[in-house]
Amino acid sequence: MADHSTTTATTTATTHAPGAPEEHAAATAFGLDAPAWIALAMILVLGLLVWKKVPAAIGAALDRKIAGIREQLAEAAQVRADAEALKAEYQAKASQADAEAATVLARAEAEAQGIVKQAEADAAALVERRTRMAEDKIAAAERAAIDEIRATATRAATAAAESLIRDKVDAKADKPMVDATIAGLGKR
């Protein structure tokens, strides 16, 4: 016993050291201290939650939320697939439009070259035709000038011959010439 009283005195002396605050005794109710009451209350709350099927309701709510998210993901995947198909369609249309534009451009260039060649040929033909017409006009003018010169020379020669004949030939010289011409006609 002496040991026990010495131990109690030591424990009391350790717990109640001079200058240290005094500790109060732990409160108990029905023989349970505070942590035991908290544990009991938690067990009762958890039991009540299980009895009212709260975890099942939370699970059902989570399942509904998961199903909604899956629907949204499926819808997003469908929208993405539609967008990619639409993008591919527009890319195909754009490349087809580019090809058509290149074809139209090539056709236009070929037509332009054809028009230029045709215009060059038409211009050459027009120049040739105009040159021929000018040459024909020059030749016609030359012929007209030569004909006029011949006519003028003929008139001048006729007038000169007439003048010479008048001066040199008289009625007596005229008769032997006419007779010789008539005799020459009969021989032919």
N, C-alpha and C. Protein backbone atom coordinates (compact mmCIF):
# COMPACT_ATOMS: atom_id res chain seq x y z
N MET A 1 0.78 -1.17 0.00
CA MET A 1 0.00 0.00 0.00
C MET A 1 0.83 1.24 0.00
N ALA A 2 1.86 1.09 0.58
CA ALA A 2 2.74 2.23 0.63
C ALA A 2 3.17 2.59 -0.76
N ASP A 3 3.34 1.57 -1.59
CA ASP A 3 3.73 1.86 -2.97
C ASP A 3 2.59 2.56 -3.69
N HIS A 4 1.43 2.15 -3.47
CA HIS A 4 0.27 2.71 -4.15
C HIS A 4 0.06 4.17 -3.76
N SER A 5 0.18 4.50 -2.55
CA SER A 5 -0.01 5.87 -2.12
C SER A 5 1.13 6.74 -2.62
N THR A 6 2.28 6.18 -2.76
CA THR A 6 3.39 6.94 -3.29
C THR A 6 3.15 7.19 -4.76
N THR A 7 2.64 6.23 -5.48
CA THR A 7 2.35 6.39 -6.90
C THR A 7 1.25 7.40 -7.09
N THR A 8 0.23 7.39 -6.29
CA THR A 8 -0.87 8.34 -6.41
C THR A 8 -0.37 9.72 -6.10
N ALA A 9 0.45 9.85 -5.15
CA ALA A 9 0.97 11.16 -4.80
C ALA A 9 1.84 11.67 -5.92
N THR A 10 2.59 10.80 -6.54
CA THR A 10 3.43 11.22 -7.66
C THR A 10 2.57 11.62 -8.83
N THR A 11 1.54 10.86 -9.12
CA THR A 11 0.65 11.19 -10.23
C THR A 11 -0.05 12.49 -9.95
N THR A 12 -0.51 12.70 -8.75
CA THR A 12 -1.19 13.94 -8.41
C THR A 12 -0.22 15.08 -8.46
N ALA A 13 0.96 14.84 -8.02
CA ALA A 13 1.94 15.90 -8.04
C ALA A 13 2.33 16.24 -9.46
N THR A 14 2.37 15.25 -10.34
CA THR A 14 2.72 15.51 -11.73
C THR A 14 1.61 16.24 -12.44
N THR A 15 0.41 15.85 -12.15
CA THR A 15 -0.70 16.50 -12.83
C THR A 15 -0.96 17.88 -12.27
N HIS A 16 -0.67 18.12 -11.05
CA HIS A 16 -0.91 19.42 -10.46
C HIS A 16 0.41 20.08 -10.13
N ALA A 17 1.18 20.36 -11.09
CA ALA A 17 2.47 21.00 -10.87
C ALA A 17 2.22 22.46 -10.56
N PRO A 18 3.06 23.05 -9.72
CA PRO A 18 2.86 24.46 -9.41
C PRO A 18 3.08 25.31 -10.66
N GLY A 19 2.18 26.25 -10.95
CA GLY A 19 2.24 27.16 -12.10
C GLY A 19 1.57 26.59 -13.33
N ALA A 20 1.16 25.31 -13.33
CA ALA A 20 0.47 24.71 -14.50
C ALA A 20 -1.01 24.87 -14.29
N PRO A 21 -1.78 25.05 -15.37
CA PRO A 21 -3.23 25.19 -15.22
C PRO A 21 -3.81 23.89 -14.75
N GLU A 22 -4.87 23.98 -14.03
CA GLU A 22 -5.52 22.80 -13.50
C GLU A 22 -6.43 22.23 -14.54
N GLU A 23 -6.43 20.93 -14.64
CA GLU A 23 -7.32 20.27 -15.58
C GLU A 23 -8.58 19.90 -14.85
N HIS A 24 -9.70 19.99 -15.65
CA HIS A 24 -10.99 19.62 -15.07
C HIS A 24 -11.22 18.16 -15.30
N ALA A 25 -12.03 17.61 -14.57
CA ALA A 25 -12.35 16.21 -14.70
C ALA A 25 -13.23 16.01 -15.90
N ALA A 26 -13.08 14.91 -16.63
CA ALA A 26 -13.85 14.65 -17.84
C ALA A 26 -15.30 14.39 -17.46
N ALA A 27 -16.22 14.99 -18.29
CA ALA A 27 -17.65 14.83 -18.02
C ALA A 27 -18.11 13.51 -18.57
N THR A 28 -19.00 12.82 -17.86
CA THR A 28 -19.53 11.55 -18.30
C THR A 28 -21.02 11.56 -18.10
N ALA A 29 -21.71 10.89 -18.99
CA ALA A 29 -23.16 10.74 -18.83
C ALA A 29 -23.47 9.29 -19.10
N PHE A 30 -24.26 8.73 -18.24
CA PHE A 30 -24.61 7.31 -18.31
C PHE A 30 -23.37 6.44 -18.44
N GLY A 31 -22.30 6.88 -17.94
CA GLY A 31 -21.07 6.10 -17.92
C GLY A 31 -20.26 6.23 -19.20
N LEU A 32 -20.66 7.14 -20.10
CA LEU A 32 -19.90 7.30 -21.36
C LEU A 32 -19.32 8.70 -21.41
N ASP A 33 -18.11 8.80 -21.84
CA ASP A 33 -17.50 10.12 -21.97
C ASP A 33 -17.83 10.71 -23.35
N ALA A 34 -17.36 11.92 -23.68
CA ALA A 34 -17.72 12.65 -24.91
C ALA A 34 -17.36 11.89 -26.18
N PRO A 35 -16.17 11.36 -26.35
CA PRO A 35 -15.86 10.65 -27.58
C PRO A 35 -16.76 9.44 -27.78
N ALA A 36 -17.17 8.79 -26.75
CA ALA A 36 -18.07 7.64 -26.89
C ALA A 36 -19.43 8.10 -27.36
N TRP A 37 -19.91 9.23 -26.80
CA TRP A 37 -21.20 9.78 -27.24
C TRP A 37 -21.12 10.19 -28.73
N ILE A 38 -20.04 10.77 -29.16
CA ILE A 38 -19.88 11.18 -30.58
C ILE A 38 -19.89 9.95 -31.47
N ALA A 39 -19.21 8.91 -31.07
CA ALA A 39 -19.17 7.68 -31.85
C ALA A 39 -20.56 7.08 -31.93
N LEU A 40 -21.31 7.07 -30.78
CA LEU A 40 -22.66 6.54 -30.77
C LEU A 40 -23.58 7.36 -31.67
N ALA A 41 -23.44 8.70 -31.64
CA ALA A 41 -24.27 9.57 -32.49
C ALA A 41 -23.96 9.31 -33.97
N MET A 42 -22.71 9.11 -34.31
CA MET A 42 -22.34 8.84 -35.70
C MET A 42 -22.92 7.52 -36.17
N ILE A 43 -22.88 6.53 -35.30
CA ILE A 43 -23.44 5.22 -35.67
C ILE A 43 -24.94 5.36 -35.89
N LEU A 44 -25.62 6.11 -35.01
CA LEU A 44 -27.06 6.32 -35.18
C LEU A 44 -27.36 7.07 -36.48
N VAL A 45 -26.60 8.11 -36.82
CA VAL A 45 -26.83 8.89 -38.06
C VAL A 45 -26.58 8.01 -39.27
N LEU A 46 -25.51 7.24 -39.24
CA LEU A 46 -25.22 6.36 -40.37
C LEU A 46 -26.29 5.29 -40.51
N GLY A 47 -26.75 4.75 -39.40
CA GLY A 47 -27.82 3.76 -39.43
C GLY A 47 -29.10 4.36 -39.99
N LEU A 48 -29.43 5.58 -39.56
CA LEU A 48 -30.61 6.27 -40.09
C LEU A 48 -30.48 6.50 -41.59
N LEU A 49 -29.30 6.89 -42.05
CA LEU A 49 -29.08 7.12 -43.48
C LEU A 49 -29.26 5.83 -44.27
N VAL A 50 -28.74 4.73 -43.73
CA VAL A 50 -28.88 3.44 -44.41
C VAL A 50 -30.34 3.01 -44.39
N TRP A 51 -31.03 3.18 -43.24
CA TRP A 51 -32.44 2.78 -43.11
C TRP A 51 -33.32 3.58 -44.07
N LYS A 52 -33.04 4.86 -44.30
CA LYS A 52 -33.81 5.70 -45.21
C LYS A 52 -33.32 5.55 -46.66
N LYS A 53 -32.39 4.67 -46.90
CA LYS A 53 -31.85 4.34 -48.23
C LYS A 53 -31.23 5.57 -48.91
N VAL A 54 -30.57 6.38 -48.15
CA VAL A 54 -29.90 7.57 -48.69
C VAL A 54 -28.76 7.17 -49.63
N PRO A 55 -27.94 6.17 -49.29
CA PRO A 55 -26.87 5.80 -50.23
C PRO A 55 -27.43 5.34 -51.57
N ALA A 56 -28.56 4.61 -51.53
CA ALA A 56 -29.17 4.18 -52.80
C ALA A 56 -29.66 5.39 -53.58
N ALA A 57 -30.24 6.37 -52.89
CA ALA A 57 -30.71 7.59 -53.57
C ALA A 57 -29.53 8.37 -54.15
N ILE A 58 -28.45 8.43 -53.36
CA ILE A 58 -27.26 9.12 -53.87
C ILE A 58 -26.70 8.36 -55.07
N GLY A 59 -26.68 7.02 -54.98
CA GLY A 59 -26.20 6.21 -56.10
C GLY A 59 -27.07 6.39 -57.33
N ALA A 60 -28.42 6.42 -57.12
CA ALA A 60 -29.34 6.62 -58.25
C ALA A 60 -29.12 8.00 -58.87
N ALA A 61 -28.95 9.01 -58.00
CA ALA A 61 -28.71 10.37 -58.53
C ALA A 61 -27.40 10.40 -59.31
N LEU A 62 -26.38 9.73 -58.75
CA LEU A 62 -25.10 9.69 -59.47
C LEU A 62 -25.24 8.92 -60.78
N ASP A 63 -26.03 7.82 -60.75
CA ASP A 63 -26.25 7.06 -61.99
C ASP A 63 -26.95 7.90 -63.03
N ARG A 64 -27.98 8.68 -62.57
CA ARG A 64 -28.68 9.58 -63.52
C ARG A 64 -27.71 10.62 -64.07
N LYS A 65 -26.86 11.16 -63.22
CA LYS A 65 -25.90 12.16 -63.65
C LYS A 65 -24.91 11.54 -64.64
N ILE A 66 -24.47 10.31 -64.35
CA ILE A 66 -23.54 9.61 -65.25
C ILE A 66 -24.22 9.34 -66.59
N ALA A 67 -25.51 8.91 -66.54
CA ALA A 67 -26.24 8.67 -67.79
C ALA A 67 -26.38 9.96 -68.59
N GLY A 68 -26.66 11.07 -67.90
CA GLY A 68 -26.76 12.36 -68.58
C GLY A 68 -25.44 12.75 -69.22
N ILE A 69 -24.35 12.52 -68.50
CA ILE A 69 -23.02 12.85 -69.04
C ILE A 69 -22.71 11.96 -70.23
N ARG A 70 -23.09 10.66 -70.12
CA ARG A 70 -22.86 9.76 -71.27
C ARG A 70 -23.65 10.22 -72.48
N GLU A 71 -24.92 10.64 -72.25
CA GLU A 71 -25.72 11.17 -73.37
C GLU A 71 -25.06 12.39 -73.99
N GLN A 72 -24.58 13.27 -73.13
CA GLN A 72 -23.92 14.48 -73.63
C GLN A 72 -22.66 14.11 -74.41
N LEU A 73 -21.91 13.12 -73.90
CA LEU A 73 -20.70 12.68 -74.61
C LEU A 73 -21.06 12.06 -75.96
N ALA A 74 -22.13 11.23 -75.96
CA ALA A 74 -22.55 10.62 -77.23
C ALA A 74 -23.03 11.69 -78.20
N GLU A 75 -23.77 12.66 -77.67
CA GLU A 75 -24.26 13.76 -78.53
C GLU A 75 -23.07 14.58 -79.05
N ALA A 76 -22.10 14.83 -78.18
CA ALA A 76 -20.91 15.57 -78.60
C ALA A 76 -20.13 14.79 -79.65
N ALA A 77 -20.03 13.47 -79.46
CA ALA A 77 -19.34 12.64 -80.45
C ALA A 77 -20.07 12.68 -81.79
N GLN A 78 -21.42 12.64 -81.74
CA GLN A 78 -22.21 12.71 -82.98
C GLN A 78 -22.04 14.07 -83.65
N VAL A 79 -22.08 15.13 -82.84
CA VAL A 79 -21.89 16.48 -83.39
C VAL A 79 -20.50 16.60 -84.00
N ARG A 80 -19.51 16.03 -83.32
CA ARG A 80 -18.15 16.08 -83.85
C ARG A 80 -18.06 15.31 -85.17
N ALA A 81 -18.68 14.12 -85.21
CA ALA A 81 -18.66 13.33 -86.45
C ALA A 81 -19.37 14.10 -87.57
N ASP A 82 -20.51 14.73 -87.24
CA ASP A 82 -21.23 15.53 -88.25
C ASP A 82 -20.38 16.69 -88.72
N ALA A 83 -19.69 17.35 -87.77
CA ALA A 83 -18.83 18.48 -88.13
C ALA A 83 -17.67 18.03 -89.01
N GLU A 84 -17.07 16.89 -88.68
CA GLU A 84 -15.97 16.39 -89.50
C GLU A 84 -16.45 15.99 -90.89
N ALA A 85 -17.66 15.39 -90.97
CA ALA A 85 -18.21 15.04 -92.28
C ALA A 85 -18.50 16.31 -93.07
N LEU A 86 -19.06 17.31 -92.40
CA LEU A 86 -19.35 18.58 -93.08
C LEU A 86 -18.06 19.25 -93.52
N LYS A 87 -17.03 19.18 -92.67
CA LYS A 87 -15.73 19.76 -93.03
C LYS A 87 -15.16 19.04 -94.25
N ALA A 88 -15.23 17.71 -94.25
CA ALA A 88 -14.71 16.94 -95.39
C ALA A 88 -15.50 17.27 -96.66
N GLU A 89 -16.82 17.43 -96.50
CA GLU A 89 -17.65 17.76 -97.67
C GLU A 89 -17.27 19.13 -98.22
N TYR A 90 -17.08 20.11 -97.33
CA TYR A 90 -16.70 21.44 -97.80
C TYR A 90 -15.29 21.46 -98.37
N GLN A 91 -14.39 20.65 -97.81
CA GLN A 91 -13.05 20.56 -98.38
C GLN A 91 -13.10 19.94 -99.77
N ALA A 92 -13.95 18.93 -99.94
CA ALA A 92 -14.11 18.30 -101.26
C ALA A 92 -14.69 19.31 -102.24
N LYS A 93 -15.71 20.06 -101.77
CA LYS A 93 -16.31 21.08 -102.64
C LYS A 93 -15.30 22.15 -102.99
N ALA A 94 -14.48 22.55 -102.02
CA ALA A 94 -13.47 23.58 -102.27
C ALA A 94 -12.44 23.09 -103.27
N SER A 95 -11.99 21.84 -103.11
CA SER A 95 -11.01 21.31 -104.06
C SER A 95 -11.63 21.14 -105.44
N GLN A 96 -12.91 20.75 -105.48
CA GLN A 96 -13.60 20.63 -106.76
C GLN A 96 -13.75 22.00 -107.41
N ALA A 97 -14.08 23.01 -106.60
CA ALA A 97 -14.19 24.37 -107.13
C ALA A 97 -12.84 24.86 -107.64
N ASP A 98 -11.76 24.53 -106.91
CA ASP A 98 -10.42 24.90 -107.37
C ASP A 98 -10.10 24.23 -108.70
N ALA A 99 -10.46 22.95 -108.82
CA ALA A 99 -10.20 22.22 -110.07
C ALA A 99 -11.02 22.83 -111.20
N GLU A 100 -12.29 23.15 -110.92
CA GLU A 100 -13.13 23.77 -111.96
C GLU A 100 -12.58 25.13 -112.35
N ALA A 101 -12.11 25.89 -111.36
CA ALA A 101 -11.54 27.20 -111.66
C ALA A 101 -10.30 27.06 -112.53
N ALA A 102 -9.46 26.07 -112.21
CA ALA A 102 -8.26 25.84 -113.03
C ALA A 102 -8.65 25.43 -114.45
N THR A 103 -9.69 24.59 -114.58
CA THR A 103 -10.15 24.17 -115.90
C THR A 103 -10.69 25.37 -116.68
N VAL A 104 -11.51 26.19 -116.01
CA VAL A 104 -12.07 27.38 -116.67
C VAL A 104 -10.95 28.32 -117.08
N LEU A 105 -9.96 28.50 -116.20
CA LEU A 105 -8.84 29.38 -116.52
C LEU A 105 -8.05 28.85 -117.72
N ALA A 106 -7.80 27.53 -117.74
CA ALA A 106 -7.07 26.93 -118.86
C ALA A 106 -7.87 27.08 -120.15
N ARG A 107 -9.19 26.84 -120.07
CA ARG A 107 -10.04 26.99 -121.25
C ARG A 107 -10.05 28.44 -121.74
N ALA A 108 -10.12 29.38 -120.79
CA ALA A 108 -10.12 30.80 -121.15
C ALA A 108 -8.80 31.20 -121.81
N GLU A 109 -7.69 30.68 -121.26
CA GLU A 109 -6.39 30.99 -121.86
C GLU A 109 -6.30 30.41 -123.27
N ALA A 110 -6.79 29.18 -123.46
CA ALA A 110 -6.77 28.56 -124.78
C ALA A 110 -7.64 29.35 -125.75
N GLU A 111 -8.83 29.77 -125.28
CA GLU A 111 -9.71 30.57 -126.14
C GLU A 111 -9.06 31.91 -126.48
N ALA A 112 -8.40 32.52 -125.48
CA ALA A 112 -7.73 33.79 -125.72
C ALA A 112 -6.62 33.63 -126.75
N GLN A 113 -5.85 32.54 -126.65
CA GLN A 113 -4.79 32.29 -127.63
C GLN A 113 -5.40 32.06 -129.02
N GLY A 114 -6.51 31.33 -129.06
CA GLY A 114 -7.20 31.11 -130.34
C GLY A 114 -7.69 32.42 -130.93
N ILE A 115 -8.25 33.28 -130.08
CA ILE A 115 -8.74 34.58 -130.55
C ILE A 115 -7.58 35.43 -131.05
N VAL A 116 -6.45 35.39 -130.32
CA VAL A 116 -5.28 36.17 -130.76
C VAL A 116 -4.78 35.64 -132.10
N LYS A 117 -4.68 34.31 -132.24
CA LYS A 117 -4.23 33.73 -133.52
C LYS A 117 -5.20 34.09 -134.64
N GLN A 118 -6.51 34.01 -134.36
CA GLN A 118 -7.51 34.35 -135.37
C GLN A 118 -7.40 35.82 -135.75
N ALA A 119 -7.20 36.68 -134.73
CA ALA A 119 -7.06 38.11 -135.00
C ALA A 119 -5.81 38.38 -135.83
N GLU A 120 -4.71 37.68 -135.52
CA GLU A 120 -3.48 37.86 -136.31
C GLU A 120 -3.71 37.40 -137.75
N ALA A 121 -4.40 36.26 -137.90
CA ALA A 121 -4.67 35.76 -139.26
C ALA A 121 -5.59 36.72 -140.00
N ASP A 122 -6.63 37.22 -139.31
CA ASP A 122 -7.55 38.18 -139.94
C ASP A 122 -6.83 39.46 -140.32
N ALA A 123 -5.93 39.92 -139.42
CA ALA A 123 -5.18 41.15 -139.72
C ALA A 123 -4.26 40.93 -140.92
N ALA A 124 -3.61 39.77 -140.96
CA ALA A 124 -2.72 39.48 -142.10
C ALA A 124 -3.54 39.40 -143.39
N ALA A 125 -4.71 38.75 -143.32
CA ALA A 125 -5.56 38.65 -144.51
C ALA A 125 -6.05 40.03 -144.93
N LEU A 126 -6.41 40.86 -143.95
CA LEU A 126 -6.87 42.21 -144.27
C LEU A 126 -5.76 43.03 -144.91
N VAL A 127 -4.55 42.91 -144.36
CA VAL A 127 -3.42 43.64 -144.94
C VAL A 127 -3.15 43.14 -146.36
N GLU A 128 -3.20 41.82 -146.54
CA GLU A 128 -2.98 41.26 -147.87
C GLU A 128 -4.06 41.72 -148.85
N ARG A 129 -5.32 41.69 -148.38
CA ARG A 129 -6.43 42.12 -149.23
C ARG A 129 -6.31 43.60 -149.58
N ARG A 130 -5.97 44.41 -148.56
CA ARG A 130 -5.82 45.85 -148.82
C ARG A 130 -4.62 46.12 -149.74
N THR A 131 -3.55 45.33 -149.56
CA THR A 131 -2.38 45.48 -150.43
C THR A 131 -2.76 45.14 -151.86
N ARG A 132 -3.49 44.00 -152.01
CA ARG A 132 -3.94 43.61 -153.35
C ARG A 132 -4.83 44.67 -153.96
N MET A 133 -5.74 45.20 -153.15
CA MET A 133 -6.65 46.24 -153.67
C MET A 133 -5.85 47.48 -154.09
N ALA A 134 -4.85 47.86 -153.26
CA ALA A 134 -4.03 49.02 -153.60
C ALA A 134 -3.23 48.75 -154.87
N GLU A 135 -2.66 47.51 -154.94
CA GLU A 135 -1.92 47.17 -156.15
C GLU A 135 -2.83 47.17 -157.37
N ASP A 136 -4.06 46.63 -157.21
CA ASP A 136 -5.02 46.64 -158.33
C ASP A 136 -5.37 48.06 -158.74
N LYS A 137 -5.57 48.95 -157.74
CA LYS A 137 -5.89 50.35 -158.05
C LYS A 137 -4.72 51.01 -158.78
N ILE A 138 -3.48 50.69 -158.28
CA ILE A 138 -2.29 51.27 -158.93
C ILE A 138 -2.19 50.75 -160.35
N ALA A 139 -2.41 49.43 -160.54
CA ALA A 139 -2.33 48.85 -161.89
C ALA A 139 -3.41 49.46 -162.78
N ALA A 140 -4.63 49.62 -162.22
CA ALA A 140 -5.71 50.23 -163.01
C ALA A 140 -5.37 51.66 -163.36
N ALA A 141 -4.78 52.39 -162.42
CA ALA A 141 -4.39 53.77 -162.69
C ALA A 141 -3.30 53.81 -163.74
N GLU A 142 -2.33 52.85 -163.63
CA GLU A 142 -1.27 52.79 -164.64
C GLU A 142 -1.86 52.50 -166.01
N ARG A 143 -2.80 51.51 -166.07
CA ARG A 143 -3.43 51.19 -167.36
C ARG A 143 -4.20 52.39 -167.90
N ALA A 144 -4.91 53.06 -166.98
CA ALA A 144 -5.67 54.23 -167.43
C ALA A 144 -4.72 55.32 -167.92
N ALA A 145 -3.60 55.50 -167.21
CA ALA A 145 -2.63 56.52 -167.62
C ALA A 145 -2.00 56.14 -168.95
N ILE A 146 -1.67 54.83 -169.09
CA ILE A 146 -1.07 54.37 -170.36
C ILE A 146 -2.08 54.53 -171.48
N ASP A 147 -3.36 54.13 -171.20
CA ASP A 147 -4.40 54.28 -172.24
C ASP A 147 -4.57 55.75 -172.61
N GLU A 148 -4.54 56.61 -171.58
CA GLU A 148 -4.71 58.04 -171.87
C GLU A 148 -3.51 58.56 -172.63
N ILE A 149 -2.29 58.09 -172.25
CA ILE A 149 -1.08 58.51 -172.97
C ILE A 149 -1.15 58.01 -174.40
N ARG A 150 -1.59 56.77 -174.60
CA ARG A 150 -1.72 56.22 -175.95
C ARG A 150 -2.75 57.01 -176.76
N ALA A 151 -3.87 57.29 -176.10
CA ALA A 151 -4.90 58.05 -176.80
C ALA A 151 -4.38 59.44 -177.17
N THR A 152 -3.67 60.03 -176.20
CA THR A 152 -3.10 61.36 -176.49
C THR A 152 -2.05 61.26 -177.58
N ALA A 153 -1.22 60.20 -177.51
CA ALA A 153 -0.19 60.01 -178.54
C ALA A 153 -0.85 59.72 -179.88
N THR A 154 -1.92 58.92 -179.85
CA THR A 154 -2.63 58.62 -181.09
C THR A 154 -3.22 59.89 -181.67
N ARG A 155 -3.84 60.69 -180.82
CA ARG A 155 -4.43 61.95 -181.31
C ARG A 155 -3.33 62.87 -181.85
N ALA A 156 -2.22 62.91 -181.13
CA ALA A 156 -1.12 63.77 -181.58
C ALA A 156 -0.53 63.24 -182.88
N ALA A 157 -0.38 61.89 -182.97
CA ALA A 157 0.17 61.31 -184.19
C ALA A 157 -0.79 61.51 -185.36
N THR A 158 -2.08 61.33 -185.06
CA THR A 158 -3.08 61.52 -186.11
C THR A 158 -3.07 62.97 -186.59
N ALA A 159 -3.00 63.89 -185.63
CA ALA A 159 -2.98 65.32 -186.00
C ALA A 159 -1.71 65.64 -186.77
N ALA A 160 -0.57 65.05 -186.34
CA ALA A 160 0.69 65.31 -187.04
C ALA A 160 0.66 64.69 -188.43
N ALA A 161 0.11 63.45 -188.52
CA ALA A 161 0.05 62.79 -189.81
C ALA A 161 -0.88 63.57 -190.73
N GLU A 162 -1.98 64.03 -190.16
CA GLU A 162 -2.94 64.79 -190.97
C GLU A 162 -2.28 66.07 -191.46
N SER A 163 -1.56 66.67 -190.57
CA SER A 163 -0.89 67.90 -190.94
C SER A 163 0.18 67.62 -192.01
N LEU A 164 0.95 66.55 -191.89
CA LEU A 164 1.96 66.20 -192.87
C LEU A 164 1.33 65.82 -194.20
N ILE A 165 0.26 65.05 -194.08
CA ILE A 165 -0.40 64.61 -195.31
C ILE A 165 -0.97 65.83 -196.01
N ARG A 166 -1.55 66.70 -195.28
CA ARG A 166 -2.13 67.88 -195.90
C ARG A 166 -1.04 68.73 -196.57
N ASP A 167 0.06 68.81 -195.92
CA ASP A 167 1.13 69.63 -196.47
C ASP A 167 1.79 68.94 -197.66
N LYS A 168 1.98 67.66 -197.66
CA LYS A 168 2.75 66.98 -198.69
C LYS A 168 1.89 66.33 -199.75
N VAL A 169 0.73 65.96 -199.46
CA VAL A 169 -0.07 65.22 -200.43
C VAL A 169 -1.14 66.18 -200.95
N ASP A 170 -1.26 66.19 -202.27
CA ASP A 170 -2.34 66.98 -202.88
C ASP A 170 -3.20 66.04 -203.67
N ALA A 171 -4.10 66.52 -204.48
CA ALA A 171 -5.07 65.69 -205.18
C ALA A 171 -4.38 64.83 -206.23
N LYS A 172 -3.33 65.30 -206.85
CA LYS A 172 -2.67 64.52 -207.87
C LYS A 172 -1.92 63.35 -207.24
N ALA A 173 -1.29 63.54 -206.12
CA ALA A 173 -0.53 62.48 -205.48
C ALA A 173 -1.47 61.51 -204.81
N ASP A 174 -2.64 61.92 -204.59
CA ASP A 174 -3.63 61.12 -203.88
C ASP A 174 -4.12 59.98 -204.78
N LYS A 175 -4.32 60.20 -206.05
CA LYS A 175 -4.89 59.22 -206.93
C LYS A 175 -4.00 58.01 -207.06
N PRO A 176 -2.67 58.07 -207.32
CA PRO A 176 -1.89 56.87 -207.43
C PRO A 176 -1.85 56.08 -206.11
N MET A 177 -1.91 56.72 -204.97
CA MET A 177 -1.91 56.02 -203.67
C MET A 177 -3.19 55.24 -203.49
N VAL A 178 -4.30 55.81 -203.83
CA VAL A 178 -5.58 55.13 -203.67
C VAL A 178 -5.62 53.94 -204.63
N ASP A 179 -5.15 54.13 -205.88
CA ASP A 179 -5.17 53.04 -206.85
C ASP A 179 -4.27 51.90 -206.35
N ALA A 180 -3.12 52.17 -205.76
CA ALA A 180 -2.20 51.15 -205.27
C ALA A 180 -2.81 50.42 -204.09
N THR A 181 -3.53 51.12 -203.24
CA THR A 181 -4.16 50.49 -202.09
C THR A 181 -5.27 49.58 -202.53
N ILE A 182 -6.06 50.01 -203.52
CA ILE A 182 -7.17 49.20 -204.02
C ILE A 182 -6.60 47.97 -204.69
N ALA A 183 -5.54 48.08 -205.47
CA ALA A 183 -4.94 46.94 -206.13
C ALA A 183 -4.39 45.97 -205.12
N GLY A 184 -3.87 46.49 -203.99
CA GLY A 184 -3.33 45.64 -202.93
C GLY A 184 -4.43 44.89 -202.20
N LEU A 185 -5.62 45.40 -202.18
CA LEU A 185 -6.74 44.75 -201.50
C LEU A 185 -7.21 43.55 -202.28
N GLY A 186 -7.15 43.65 -203.55
CA GLY A 186 -7.62 42.56 -204.39
C GLY A 186 -6.72 41.36 -204.33
N LYS A 187 -5.48 41.50 -204.03
CA LYS A 187 -4.53 40.39 -203.97
C LYS A 187 -4.68 39.59 -202.68
N ARG A 188 -5.20 40.10 -201.80
CA ARG A 188 -5.27 39.40 -200.51
C ARG A 188 -6.32 38.41 -200.48
